[in-house]
Amino acid sequence: MDNIGNKGISIIICTRNRASLLQECLNSFTNQSYSTDKIEFLIVDNNSDDNTKEVVLQYQSQLTNFKYI
């Protein structure tokens, strides 16, 4: 059985055509004091037609445990 306490937290962000707000949100995570290696980031893109994917790719290398769906 997994020890849930060792996994940290999961942050799930669902978005559609909100690239600028998503960028602000992800920027706040990269500038925090809590270790982001204990956070799982899931970005769920609901068929955006703006530059959401490009914004996500910017942060993918800065945040560990990062998935774009």
N, C-alpha and C. Protein backbone atom coordinates (compact mmCIF):
# COMPACT_ATOMS: atom_id res chain seq x y z
N MET A 1 0.84 -1.18 0.00
CA MET A 1 0.00 0.00 0.00
C MET A 1 0.88 1.24 0.00
N ASP A 2 0.56 2.22 -0.83
CA ASP A 2 1.33 3.46 -0.92
C ASP A 2 1.15 4.31 0.32
N ASN A 3 2.23 4.99 0.67
CA ASN A 3 2.16 5.95 1.77
C ASN A 3 1.82 7.31 1.18
N ILE A 4 0.58 7.73 1.29
CA ILE A 4 0.10 8.96 0.68
C ILE A 4 0.87 10.17 1.19
N GLY A 5 1.28 10.17 2.45
CA GLY A 5 1.99 11.31 3.02
C GLY A 5 3.31 11.61 2.35
N ASN A 6 3.95 10.64 1.74
CA ASN A 6 5.23 10.84 1.07
C ASN A 6 5.09 11.40 -0.34
N LYS A 7 3.90 11.40 -0.88
CA LYS A 7 3.71 11.82 -2.26
C LYS A 7 3.57 13.33 -2.41
N GLY A 8 3.30 14.04 -1.36
CA GLY A 8 3.08 15.47 -1.50
C GLY A 8 1.66 15.76 -1.94
N ILE A 9 1.54 16.66 -2.91
CA ILE A 9 0.21 17.06 -3.36
C ILE A 9 0.14 17.04 -4.88
N SER A 10 -1.07 16.99 -5.39
CA SER A 10 -1.33 17.10 -6.82
C SER A 10 -2.07 18.39 -7.07
N ILE A 11 -1.62 19.12 -8.07
CA ILE A 11 -2.31 20.33 -8.50
C ILE A 11 -2.80 20.08 -9.91
N ILE A 12 -4.11 20.14 -10.07
CA ILE A 12 -4.73 19.89 -11.37
C ILE A 12 -5.36 21.18 -11.85
N ILE A 13 -4.91 21.63 -13.01
CA ILE A 13 -5.41 22.88 -13.57
C ILE A 13 -6.10 22.55 -14.90
N CYS A 14 -7.39 22.79 -14.94
CA CYS A 14 -8.16 22.61 -16.17
C CYS A 14 -8.30 23.97 -16.84
N THR A 15 -8.04 24.01 -18.13
CA THR A 15 -8.04 25.30 -18.80
C THR A 15 -8.54 25.19 -20.24
N ARG A 16 -9.04 26.29 -20.74
CA ARG A 16 -9.41 26.42 -22.15
C ARG A 16 -9.31 27.89 -22.53
N ASN A 17 -8.38 28.19 -23.40
CA ASN A 17 -8.17 29.55 -23.93
C ASN A 17 -7.93 30.59 -22.83
N ARG A 18 -7.13 30.22 -21.86
CA ARG A 18 -6.78 31.13 -20.77
C ARG A 18 -5.26 31.16 -20.59
N ALA A 19 -4.54 31.25 -21.68
CA ALA A 19 -3.08 31.15 -21.64
C ALA A 19 -2.44 32.20 -20.73
N SER A 20 -2.91 33.42 -20.76
CA SER A 20 -2.30 34.46 -19.93
C SER A 20 -2.53 34.20 -18.44
N LEU A 21 -3.73 33.74 -18.08
CA LEU A 21 -3.99 33.40 -16.68
C LEU A 21 -3.22 32.16 -16.25
N LEU A 22 -3.09 31.21 -17.15
CA LEU A 22 -2.32 30.01 -16.86
C LEU A 22 -0.86 30.37 -16.62
N GLN A 23 -0.34 31.27 -17.42
CA GLN A 23 1.05 31.70 -17.24
C GLN A 23 1.25 32.35 -15.87
N GLU A 24 0.34 33.20 -15.45
CA GLU A 24 0.42 33.80 -14.12
C GLU A 24 0.38 32.74 -13.03
N CYS A 25 -0.50 31.78 -13.19
CA CYS A 25 -0.65 30.71 -12.21
C CYS A 25 0.63 29.89 -12.10
N LEU A 26 1.16 29.44 -13.23
CA LEU A 26 2.38 28.63 -13.21
C LEU A 26 3.59 29.42 -12.73
N ASN A 27 3.61 30.69 -13.04
CA ASN A 27 4.69 31.55 -12.57
C ASN A 27 4.69 31.62 -11.04
N SER A 28 3.51 31.67 -10.45
CA SER A 28 3.44 31.73 -8.99
C SER A 28 3.98 30.44 -8.36
N PHE A 29 3.79 29.31 -9.02
CA PHE A 29 4.33 28.06 -8.50
C PHE A 29 5.85 28.01 -8.58
N THR A 30 6.42 28.58 -9.62
CA THR A 30 7.88 28.55 -9.75
C THR A 30 8.55 29.51 -8.78
N ASN A 31 7.81 30.47 -8.25
CA ASN A 31 8.37 31.47 -7.33
C ASN A 31 8.02 31.23 -5.87
N GLN A 32 7.59 30.06 -5.52
CA GLN A 32 7.21 29.78 -4.14
C GLN A 32 8.37 29.12 -3.38
N SER A 33 8.26 29.05 -2.08
CA SER A 33 9.32 28.47 -1.26
C SER A 33 9.14 26.97 -1.05
N TYR A 34 7.93 26.43 -1.20
CA TYR A 34 7.70 25.00 -1.05
C TYR A 34 8.38 24.26 -2.20
N SER A 35 9.04 23.17 -1.90
CA SER A 35 9.75 22.41 -2.92
C SER A 35 8.78 21.85 -3.96
N THR A 36 8.95 22.24 -5.21
CA THR A 36 8.03 21.77 -6.26
C THR A 36 8.28 20.32 -6.64
N ASP A 37 9.37 19.70 -6.17
CA ASP A 37 9.57 18.28 -6.48
C ASP A 37 8.61 17.39 -5.70
N LYS A 38 7.90 17.95 -4.73
CA LYS A 38 6.89 17.21 -3.97
C LYS A 38 5.48 17.47 -4.50
N ILE A 39 5.40 18.17 -5.63
CA ILE A 39 4.10 18.52 -6.21
C ILE A 39 3.98 17.88 -7.59
N GLU A 40 2.85 17.26 -7.82
CA GLU A 40 2.53 16.75 -9.15
C GLU A 40 1.64 17.79 -9.83
N PHE A 41 2.06 18.25 -11.01
CA PHE A 41 1.30 19.23 -11.77
C PHE A 41 0.64 18.54 -12.96
N LEU A 42 -0.68 18.67 -13.06
CA LEU A 42 -1.42 18.16 -14.20
C LEU A 42 -2.15 19.32 -14.85
N ILE A 43 -1.80 19.62 -16.08
CA ILE A 43 -2.47 20.68 -16.82
C ILE A 43 -3.38 19.99 -17.85
N VAL A 44 -4.67 20.21 -17.72
CA VAL A 44 -5.65 19.60 -18.61
C VAL A 44 -6.17 20.68 -19.54
N ASP A 45 -5.80 20.56 -20.80
CA ASP A 45 -6.17 21.54 -21.82
C ASP A 45 -7.42 21.04 -22.55
N ASN A 46 -8.49 21.79 -22.44
CA ASN A 46 -9.75 21.42 -23.06
C ASN A 46 -9.86 22.03 -24.46
N ASN A 47 -8.96 21.58 -25.35
CA ASN A 47 -9.01 21.97 -26.76
C ASN A 47 -8.82 23.47 -27.00
N SER A 48 -7.86 24.06 -26.32
CA SER A 48 -7.59 25.49 -26.50
C SER A 48 -7.12 25.79 -27.92
N ASP A 49 -7.49 26.96 -28.42
CA ASP A 49 -6.98 27.39 -29.73
C ASP A 49 -6.15 28.67 -29.61
N ASP A 50 -5.72 28.98 -28.39
CA ASP A 50 -4.79 30.09 -28.18
C ASP A 50 -3.40 29.49 -27.96
N ASN A 51 -2.50 30.19 -27.31
CA ASN A 51 -1.13 29.69 -27.13
C ASN A 51 -0.92 28.96 -25.80
N THR A 52 -1.94 28.29 -25.33
CA THR A 52 -1.86 27.54 -24.08
C THR A 52 -0.73 26.51 -24.12
N LYS A 53 -0.64 25.76 -25.20
CA LYS A 53 0.40 24.72 -25.29
C LYS A 53 1.80 25.33 -25.18
N GLU A 54 2.04 26.45 -25.81
CA GLU A 54 3.34 27.11 -25.75
C GLU A 54 3.67 27.56 -24.33
N VAL A 55 2.66 28.09 -23.64
CA VAL A 55 2.85 28.50 -22.24
C VAL A 55 3.22 27.30 -21.39
N VAL A 56 2.51 26.20 -21.56
CA VAL A 56 2.79 24.99 -20.79
C VAL A 56 4.21 24.51 -21.05
N LEU A 57 4.64 24.50 -22.29
CA LEU A 57 5.98 24.02 -22.63
C LEU A 57 7.07 24.88 -22.00
N GLN A 58 6.81 26.16 -21.78
CA GLN A 58 7.76 27.04 -21.09
C GLN A 58 8.06 26.54 -19.68
N TYR A 59 7.05 26.08 -19.01
CA TYR A 59 7.17 25.71 -17.60
C TYR A 59 7.49 24.24 -17.39
N GLN A 60 7.36 23.44 -18.42
CA GLN A 60 7.58 22.01 -18.28
C GLN A 60 9.00 21.70 -17.81
N SER A 61 9.98 22.47 -18.22
CA SER A 61 11.36 22.21 -17.80
C SER A 61 11.65 22.81 -16.42
N GLN A 62 10.84 23.75 -15.96
CA GLN A 62 11.07 24.40 -14.67
C GLN A 62 10.40 23.66 -13.50
N LEU A 63 9.36 22.93 -13.77
CA LEU A 63 8.60 22.23 -12.73
C LEU A 63 8.73 20.73 -12.93
N THR A 64 9.08 20.02 -11.86
CA THR A 64 9.19 18.57 -11.96
C THR A 64 7.81 17.95 -11.82
N ASN A 65 7.68 16.69 -12.17
CA ASN A 65 6.41 15.96 -12.06
C ASN A 65 5.29 16.71 -12.78
N PHE A 66 5.54 17.04 -14.02
CA PHE A 66 4.65 17.91 -14.81
C PHE A 66 4.08 17.13 -15.98
N LYS A 67 2.75 17.15 -16.12
CA LYS A 67 2.10 16.46 -17.23
C LYS A 67 1.12 17.40 -17.92
N TYR A 68 1.14 17.37 -19.24
CA TYR A 68 0.21 18.17 -20.05
C TYR A 68 -0.72 17.20 -20.76
N ILE A 69 -2.00 17.34 -20.49
CA ILE A 69 -3.01 16.44 -21.07
C ILE A 69 -3.94 17.26 -21.93
